[in-house]
């Protein structure tokens, strides 16, 4: 399901939106579009941090890792 559709049918800060943003960020990263990748990762992290309790934030670790890839 596309990000546009997910944004229409899911709550604003749904974890599935964060996952989709992470996947989009990875595509941008592979295309060497670091600015767009960073924006996607950062938006995904904001959603995860806002909607999930600390003990359920395993996805956030992957997002932080992906942001770290931008810095490398």
PDB file of N, CA and C in Angstrom:
ATOM      1  N   UNK A   1       0.841  -1.164   0.000  1.00  0.00           N
ATOM      2  CA  UNK A   1       0.000   0.000   0.000  1.00  0.00           C
ATOM      3  C   UNK A   1       0.895   1.239   0.000  1.00  0.00           C
ATOM      4  N   UNK A   2       0.542   2.215  -0.770  1.00  0.00           N
ATOM      5  CA  UNK A   2       1.378   3.406  -0.880  1.00  0.00           C
ATOM      6  C   UNK A   2       1.262   4.292   0.360  1.00  0.00           C
ATOM      7  N   UNK A   3       2.264   5.132   0.527  1.00  0.00           N
ATOM      8  CA  UNK A   3       2.278   6.074   1.646  1.00  0.00           C
ATOM      9  C   UNK A   3       1.055   6.986   1.589  1.00  0.00           C
ATOM     10  N   UNK A   4       0.711   7.425   0.410  1.00  0.00           N
ATOM     11  CA  UNK A   4      -0.430   8.333   0.251  1.00  0.00           C
ATOM     12  C   UNK A   4      -1.726   7.681   0.750  1.00  0.00           C
ATOM     13  N   UNK A   5      -1.924   6.424   0.408  1.00  0.00           N
ATOM     14  CA  UNK A   5      -3.124   5.710   0.850  1.00  0.00           C
ATOM     15  C   UNK A   5      -3.083   5.491   2.358  1.00  0.00           C
ATOM     16  N   UNK A   6      -1.925   5.085   2.876  1.00  0.00           N
ATOM     17  CA  UNK A   6      -1.803   4.863   4.320  1.00  0.00           C
ATOM     18  C   UNK A   6      -2.110   6.129   5.099  1.00  0.00           C
ATOM     19  N   UNK A   7      -1.653   7.262   4.596  1.00  0.00           N
ATOM     20  CA  UNK A   7      -1.917   8.528   5.295  1.00  0.00           C
ATOM     21  C   UNK A   7      -3.411   8.860   5.308  1.00  0.00           C
ATOM     22  N   UNK A   8      -4.145   8.372   4.294  1.00  0.00           N
ATOM     23  CA  UNK A   8      -5.586   8.637   4.241  1.00  0.00           C
ATOM     24  C   UNK A   8      -6.382   7.734   5.174  1.00  0.00           C
ATOM     25  N   UNK A   9      -5.958   6.471   5.309  1.00  0.00           N
ATOM     26  CA  UNK A   9      -6.794   5.517   6.039  1.00  0.00           C
ATOM     27  C   UNK A   9      -6.322   5.212   7.461  1.00  0.00           C
ATOM     28  N   UNK A  10      -5.074   5.524   7.771  1.00  0.00           N
ATOM     29  CA  UNK A  10      -4.533   5.219   9.097  1.00  0.00           C
ATOM     30  C   UNK A  10      -4.429   6.485   9.939  1.00  0.00           C
ATOM     31  N   UNK A  11      -4.367   6.327  11.264  1.00  0.00           N
ATOM     32  CA  UNK A  11      -4.117   7.498  12.115  1.00  0.00           C
ATOM     33  C   UNK A  11      -2.784   8.162  11.742  1.00  0.00           C
ATOM     34  N   UNK A  12      -2.680   9.426  12.017  1.00  0.00           N
ATOM     35  CA  UNK A  12      -1.522  10.227  11.607  1.00  0.00           C
ATOM     36  C   UNK A  12      -0.192   9.608  12.019  1.00  0.00           C
ATOM     37  N   UNK A  13      -0.112   9.080  13.222  1.00  0.00           N
ATOM     38  CA  UNK A  13       1.154   8.545  13.724  1.00  0.00           C
ATOM     39  C   UNK A  13       1.136   7.025  13.844  1.00  0.00           C
ATOM     40  N   UNK A  14       0.600   6.369  12.861  1.00  0.00           N
ATOM     41  CA  UNK A  14       0.535   4.903  12.870  1.00  0.00           C
ATOM     42  C   UNK A  14       1.917   4.319  12.550  1.00  0.00           C
ATOM     43  N   UNK A  15       2.319   3.245  13.250  1.00  0.00           N
ATOM     44  CA  UNK A  15       3.636   2.637  12.998  1.00  0.00           C
ATOM     45  C   UNK A  15       3.839   2.174  11.553  1.00  0.00           C
ATOM     46  N   UNK A  16       2.770   1.792  10.864  1.00  0.00           N
ATOM     47  CA  UNK A  16       2.918   1.372   9.463  1.00  0.00           C
ATOM     48  C   UNK A  16       3.376   2.524   8.571  1.00  0.00           C
ATOM     49  N   UNK A  17       2.981   3.726   8.918  1.00  0.00           N
ATOM     50  CA  UNK A  17       3.441   4.892   8.159  1.00  0.00           C
ATOM     51  C   UNK A  17       4.936   5.082   8.381  1.00  0.00           C
ATOM     52  N   UNK A  18       5.380   4.895   9.616  1.00  0.00           N
ATOM     53  CA  UNK A  18       6.814   5.003   9.915  1.00  0.00           C
ATOM     54  C   UNK A  18       7.604   3.953   9.147  1.00  0.00           C
ATOM     55  N   UNK A  19       7.095   2.733   9.087  1.00  0.00           N
ATOM     56  CA  UNK A  19       7.774   1.665   8.356  1.00  0.00           C
ATOM     57  C   UNK A  19       7.876   1.999   6.872  1.00  0.00           C
ATOM     58  N   UNK A  20       6.807   2.515   6.314  1.00  0.00           N
ATOM     59  CA  UNK A  20       6.820   2.900   4.901  1.00  0.00           C
ATOM     60  C   UNK A  20       7.811   4.032   4.658  1.00  0.00           C
ATOM     61  N   UNK A  21       7.838   5.014   5.550  1.00  0.00           N
ATOM     62  CA  UNK A  21       8.800   6.113   5.417  1.00  0.00           C
ATOM     63  C   UNK A  21      10.235   5.600   5.496  1.00  0.00           C
ATOM     64  N   UNK A  22      10.478   4.629   6.364  1.00  0.00           N
ATOM     65  CA  UNK A  22      11.808   4.032   6.451  1.00  0.00           C
ATOM     66  C   UNK A  22      12.175   3.365   5.129  1.00  0.00           C
ATOM     67  N   UNK A  23      11.250   2.611   4.561  1.00  0.00           N
ATOM     68  CA  UNK A  23      11.516   1.934   3.290  1.00  0.00           C
ATOM     69  C   UNK A  23      11.769   2.932   2.163  1.00  0.00           C
ATOM     70  N   UNK A  24      11.006   4.002   2.147  1.00  0.00           N
ATOM     71  CA  UNK A  24      11.217   5.054   1.148  1.00  0.00           C
ATOM     72  C   UNK A  24      12.585   5.693   1.354  1.00  0.00           C
ATOM     73  N   UNK A  25      12.938   5.924   2.609  1.00  0.00           N
ATOM     74  CA  UNK A  25      14.257   6.481   2.906  1.00  0.00           C
ATOM     75  C   UNK A  25      15.381   5.594   2.397  1.00  0.00           C
ATOM     76  N   UNK A  26      15.221   4.286   2.540  1.00  0.00           N
ATOM     77  CA  UNK A  26      16.246   3.355   2.047  1.00  0.00           C
ATOM     78  C   UNK A  26      16.374   3.423   0.526  1.00  0.00           C
ATOM     79  N   UNK A  27      15.268   3.596  -0.159  1.00  0.00           N
ATOM     80  CA  UNK A  27      15.322   3.744  -1.621  1.00  0.00           C
ATOM     81  C   UNK A  27      16.084   5.012  -1.981  1.00  0.00           C
ATOM     82  N   UNK A  28      15.765   6.112  -1.308  1.00  0.00           N
ATOM     83  CA  UNK A  28      16.495   7.358  -1.561  1.00  0.00           C
ATOM     84  C   UNK A  28      17.980   7.196  -1.250  1.00  0.00           C
ATOM     85  N   UNK A  29      18.286   6.492  -0.174  1.00  0.00           N
ATOM     86  CA  UNK A  29      19.683   6.280   0.201  1.00  0.00           C
ATOM     87  C   UNK A  29      20.421   5.512  -0.890  1.00  0.00           C
ATOM     88  N   UNK A  30      19.800   4.472  -1.414  1.00  0.00           N
ATOM     89  CA  UNK A  30      20.426   3.680  -2.480  1.00  0.00           C
ATOM     90  C   UNK A  30      20.592   4.487  -3.761  1.00  0.00           C
ATOM     91  N   UNK A  31      19.738   5.481  -3.946  1.00  0.00           N
ATOM     92  CA  UNK A  31      19.841   6.370  -5.115  1.00  0.00           C
ATOM     93  C   UNK A  31      20.775   7.554  -4.856  1.00  0.00           C
ATOM     94  N   UNK A  32      21.374   7.557  -3.669  1.00  0.00           N
ATOM     95  CA  UNK A  32      22.312   8.603  -3.245  1.00  0.00           C
ATOM     96  C   UNK A  32      21.646   9.971  -3.081  1.00  0.00           C
ATOM     97  N   UNK A  33      20.348   9.974  -2.852  1.00  0.00           N
ATOM     98  CA  UNK A  33      19.621  11.216  -2.579  1.00  0.00           C
ATOM     99  C   UNK A  33      19.531  11.363  -1.060  1.00  0.00           C
ATOM    100  N   UNK A  34      20.627  11.820  -0.477  1.00  0.00           N
ATOM    101  CA  UNK A  34      20.770  11.847   0.973  1.00  0.00           C
ATOM    102  C   UNK A  34      19.804  12.803   1.661  1.00  0.00           C
ATOM    103  N   UNK A  35      19.489  13.894   1.031  1.00  0.00           N
ATOM    104  CA  UNK A  35      18.579  14.866   1.644  1.00  0.00           C
ATOM    105  C   UNK A  35      17.182  14.270   1.816  1.00  0.00           C
ATOM    106  N   UNK A  36      16.660  13.664   0.756  1.00  0.00           N
ATOM    107  CA  UNK A  36      15.330  13.056   0.845  1.00  0.00           C
ATOM    108  C   UNK A  36      15.335  11.846   1.774  1.00  0.00           C
ATOM    109  N   UNK A  37      16.416  11.083   1.755  1.00  0.00           N
ATOM    110  CA  UNK A  37      16.524   9.931   2.656  1.00  0.00           C
ATOM    111  C   UNK A  37      16.462  10.400   4.105  1.00  0.00           C
ATOM    112  N   UNK A  38      17.222  11.427   4.419  1.00  0.00           N
ATOM    113  CA  UNK A  38      17.241  11.953   5.781  1.00  0.00           C
ATOM    114  C   UNK A  38      15.877  12.437   6.231  1.00  0.00           C
ATOM    115  N   UNK A  39      15.170  13.120   5.354  1.00  0.00           N
ATOM    116  CA  UNK A  39      13.834  13.609   5.702  1.00  0.00           C
ATOM    117  C   UNK A  39      12.882  12.448   5.978  1.00  0.00           C
ATOM    118  N   UNK A  40      12.963  11.414   5.163  1.00  0.00           N
ATOM    119  CA  UNK A  40      12.097  10.246   5.370  1.00  0.00           C
ATOM    120  C   UNK A  40      12.412   9.555   6.689  1.00  0.00           C
ATOM    121  N   UNK A  41      13.701   9.348   6.960  1.00  0.00           N
ATOM    122  CA  UNK A  41      14.098   8.692   8.207  1.00  0.00           C
ATOM    123  C   UNK A  41      13.688   9.515   9.425  1.00  0.00           C
ATOM    124  N   UNK A  42      13.902  10.814   9.360  1.00  0.00           N
ATOM    125  CA  UNK A  42      13.579  11.670  10.501  1.00  0.00           C
ATOM    126  C   UNK A  42      12.082  11.695  10.786  1.00  0.00           C
ATOM    127  N   UNK A  43      11.275  11.731   9.735  1.00  0.00           N
ATOM    128  CA  UNK A  43       9.821  11.704   9.938  1.00  0.00           C
ATOM    129  C   UNK A  43       9.397  10.361  10.541  1.00  0.00           C
ATOM    130  N   UNK A  44      10.016   9.290  10.079  1.00  0.00           N
ATOM    131  CA  UNK A  44       9.704   7.964  10.617  1.00  0.00           C
ATOM    132  C   UNK A  44      10.063   7.877  12.098  1.00  0.00           C
ATOM    133  N   UNK A  45      11.217   8.399  12.473  1.00  0.00           N
ATOM    134  CA  UNK A  45      11.636   8.378  13.881  1.00  0.00           C
ATOM    135  C   UNK A  45      10.657   9.176  14.738  1.00  0.00           C
ATOM    136  N   UNK A  46      10.238  10.322  14.260  1.00  0.00           N
ATOM    137  CA  UNK A  46       9.274  11.135  15.016  1.00  0.00           C
ATOM    138  C   UNK A  46       7.997  10.346  15.296  1.00  0.00           C
ATOM    139  N   UNK A  47       7.518   9.632  14.292  1.00  0.00           N
ATOM    140  CA  UNK A  47       6.290   8.850  14.462  1.00  0.00           C
ATOM    141  C   UNK A  47       6.507   7.739  15.479  1.00  0.00           C
ATOM    142  N   UNK A  48       7.597   7.008  15.336  1.00  0.00           N
ATOM    143  CA  UNK A  48       7.872   5.888  16.247  1.00  0.00           C
ATOM    144  C   UNK A  48       8.006   6.385  17.679  1.00  0.00           C
ATOM    145  N   UNK A  49       8.733   7.468  17.869  1.00  0.00           N
ATOM    146  CA  UNK A  49       8.934   7.987  19.223  1.00  0.00           C
ATOM    147  C   UNK A  49       7.637   8.511  19.833  1.00  0.00           C
ATOM    148  N   UNK A  50       6.752   8.997  18.993  1.00  0.00           N
ATOM    149  CA  UNK A  50       5.498   9.557  19.490  1.00  0.00           C
ATOM    150  C   UNK A  50       4.448   8.480  19.768  1.00  0.00           C
ATOM    151  N   UNK A  51       4.405   7.446  18.948  1.00  0.00           N
ATOM    152  CA  UNK A  51       3.284   6.509  19.048  1.00  0.00           C
ATOM    153  C   UNK A  51       3.590   5.222  19.801  1.00  0.00           C
ATOM    154  N   UNK A  52       4.855   4.879  19.983  1.00  0.00           N
ATOM    155  CA  UNK A  52       5.170   3.608  20.629  1.00  0.00           C
ATOM    156  C   UNK A  52       5.806   3.811  21.996  1.00  0.00           C
ATOM    157  N   UNK A  53       5.424   2.979  22.966  1.00  0.00           N
ATOM    158  CA  UNK A  53       6.107   3.029  24.260  1.00  0.00           C
ATOM    159  C   UNK A  53       7.557   2.591  24.106  1.00  0.00           C
ATOM    160  N   UNK A  54       8.387   3.016  25.022  1.00  0.00           N
ATOM    161  CA  UNK A  54       9.828   2.774  24.943  1.00  0.00           C
ATOM    162  C   UNK A  54      10.168   1.310  24.706  1.00  0.00           C
ATOM    163  N   UNK A  55       9.497   0.392  25.399  1.00  0.00           N
ATOM    164  CA  UNK A  55       9.836  -1.025  25.275  1.00  0.00           C
ATOM    165  C   UNK A  55       9.457  -1.619  23.918  1.00  0.00           C
ATOM    166  N   UNK A  56       8.720  -0.900  23.101  1.00  0.00           N
ATOM    167  CA  UNK A  56       8.320  -1.400  21.785  1.00  0.00           C
ATOM    168  C   UNK A  56       9.007  -0.653  20.646  1.00  0.00           C
ATOM    169  N   UNK A  57      10.081  -0.009  20.931  1.00  0.00           N
ATOM    170  CA  UNK A  57      10.722   0.827  19.914  1.00  0.00           C
ATOM    171  C   UNK A  57      11.878   0.144  19.190  1.00  0.00           C
ATOM    172  N   UNK A  58      11.781  -1.129  18.954  1.00  0.00           N
ATOM    173  CA  UNK A  58      12.838  -1.821  18.219  1.00  0.00           C
ATOM    174  C   UNK A  58      12.995  -1.220  16.824  1.00  0.00           C
ATOM    175  N   UNK A  59      11.882  -0.801  16.218  1.00  0.00           N
ATOM    176  CA  UNK A  59      11.950  -0.196  14.889  1.00  0.00           C
ATOM    177  C   UNK A  59      12.759   1.093  14.907  1.00  0.00           C
ATOM    178  N   UNK A  60      12.723   1.807  16.020  1.00  0.00           N
ATOM    179  CA  UNK A  60      13.477   3.055  16.114  1.00  0.00           C
ATOM    180  C   UNK A  60      14.966   2.791  16.013  1.00  0.00           C
ATOM    181  N   UNK A  61      15.432   1.676  16.545  1.00  0.00           N
ATOM    182  CA  UNK A  61      16.859   1.350  16.453  1.00  0.00           C
ATOM    183  C   UNK A  61      17.282   1.222  14.999  1.00  0.00           C
ATOM    184  N   UNK A  62      16.465   0.576  14.191  1.00  0.00           N
ATOM    185  CA  UNK A  62      16.777   0.442  12.763  1.00  0.00           C
ATOM    186  C   UNK A  62      16.762   1.805  12.085  1.00  0.00           C
ATOM    187  N   UNK A  63      15.827   2.644  12.470  1.00  0.00           N
ATOM    188  CA  UNK A  63      15.760   3.985  11.890  1.00  0.00           C
ATOM    189  C   UNK A  63      17.000   4.796  12.236  1.00  0.00           C
ATOM    190  N   UNK A  64      17.436   4.714  13.505  1.00  0.00           N
ATOM    191  CA  UNK A  64      18.653   5.428  13.894  1.00  0.00           C
ATOM    192  C   UNK A  64      19.861   4.877  13.134  1.00  0.00           C
ATOM    193  N   UNK A  65      19.884   3.578  12.918  1.00  0.00           N
ATOM    194  CA  UNK A  65      20.958   2.979  12.132  1.00  0.00           C
ATOM    195  C   UNK A  65      20.955   3.546  10.717  1.00  0.00           C
ATOM    196  N   UNK A  66      19.787   3.660  10.121  1.00  0.00           N
ATOM    197  CA  UNK A  66      19.699   4.182   8.761  1.00  0.00           C
ATOM    198  C   UNK A  66      20.134   5.643   8.697  1.00  0.00           C
ATOM    199  N   UNK A  67      19.783   6.420   9.706  1.00  0.00           N
ATOM    200  CA  UNK A  67      20.256   7.806   9.759  1.00  0.00           C
ATOM    201  C   UNK A  67      21.778   7.821   9.868  1.00  0.00           C
ATOM    202  N   UNK A  68      22.331   6.887  10.642  1.00  0.00           N
ATOM    203  CA  UNK A  68      23.787   6.773  10.752  1.00  0.00           C
ATOM    204  C   UNK A  68      24.445   6.465   9.420  1.00  0.00           C
ATOM    205  N   UNK A  69      23.767   5.698   8.574  1.00  0.00           N
ATOM    206  CA  UNK A  69      24.313   5.405   7.246  1.00  0.00           C
ATOM    207  C   UNK A  69      24.495   6.679   6.430  1.00  0.00           C
ATOM    208  N   UNK A  70      23.613   7.647   6.656  1.00  0.00           N
ATOM    209  CA  UNK A  70      23.733   8.927   5.951  1.00  0.00           C
ATOM    210  C   UNK A  70      25.011   9.657   6.344  1.00  0.00           C
ATOM    211  N   UNK A  71      25.388   9.520   7.605  1.00  0.00           N
ATOM    212  CA  UNK A  71      26.567  10.215   8.107  1.00  0.00           C
ATOM    213  C   UNK A  71      27.863   9.548   7.663  1.00  0.00           C
ATOM    214  N   UNK A  72      27.788   8.277   7.324  1.00  0.00           N
ATOM    215  CA  UNK A  72      28.970   7.524   6.939  1.00  0.00           C
ATOM    216  C   UNK A  72      29.392   7.955   5.571  1.00  0.00           C
TER     217      UNK A  72
END
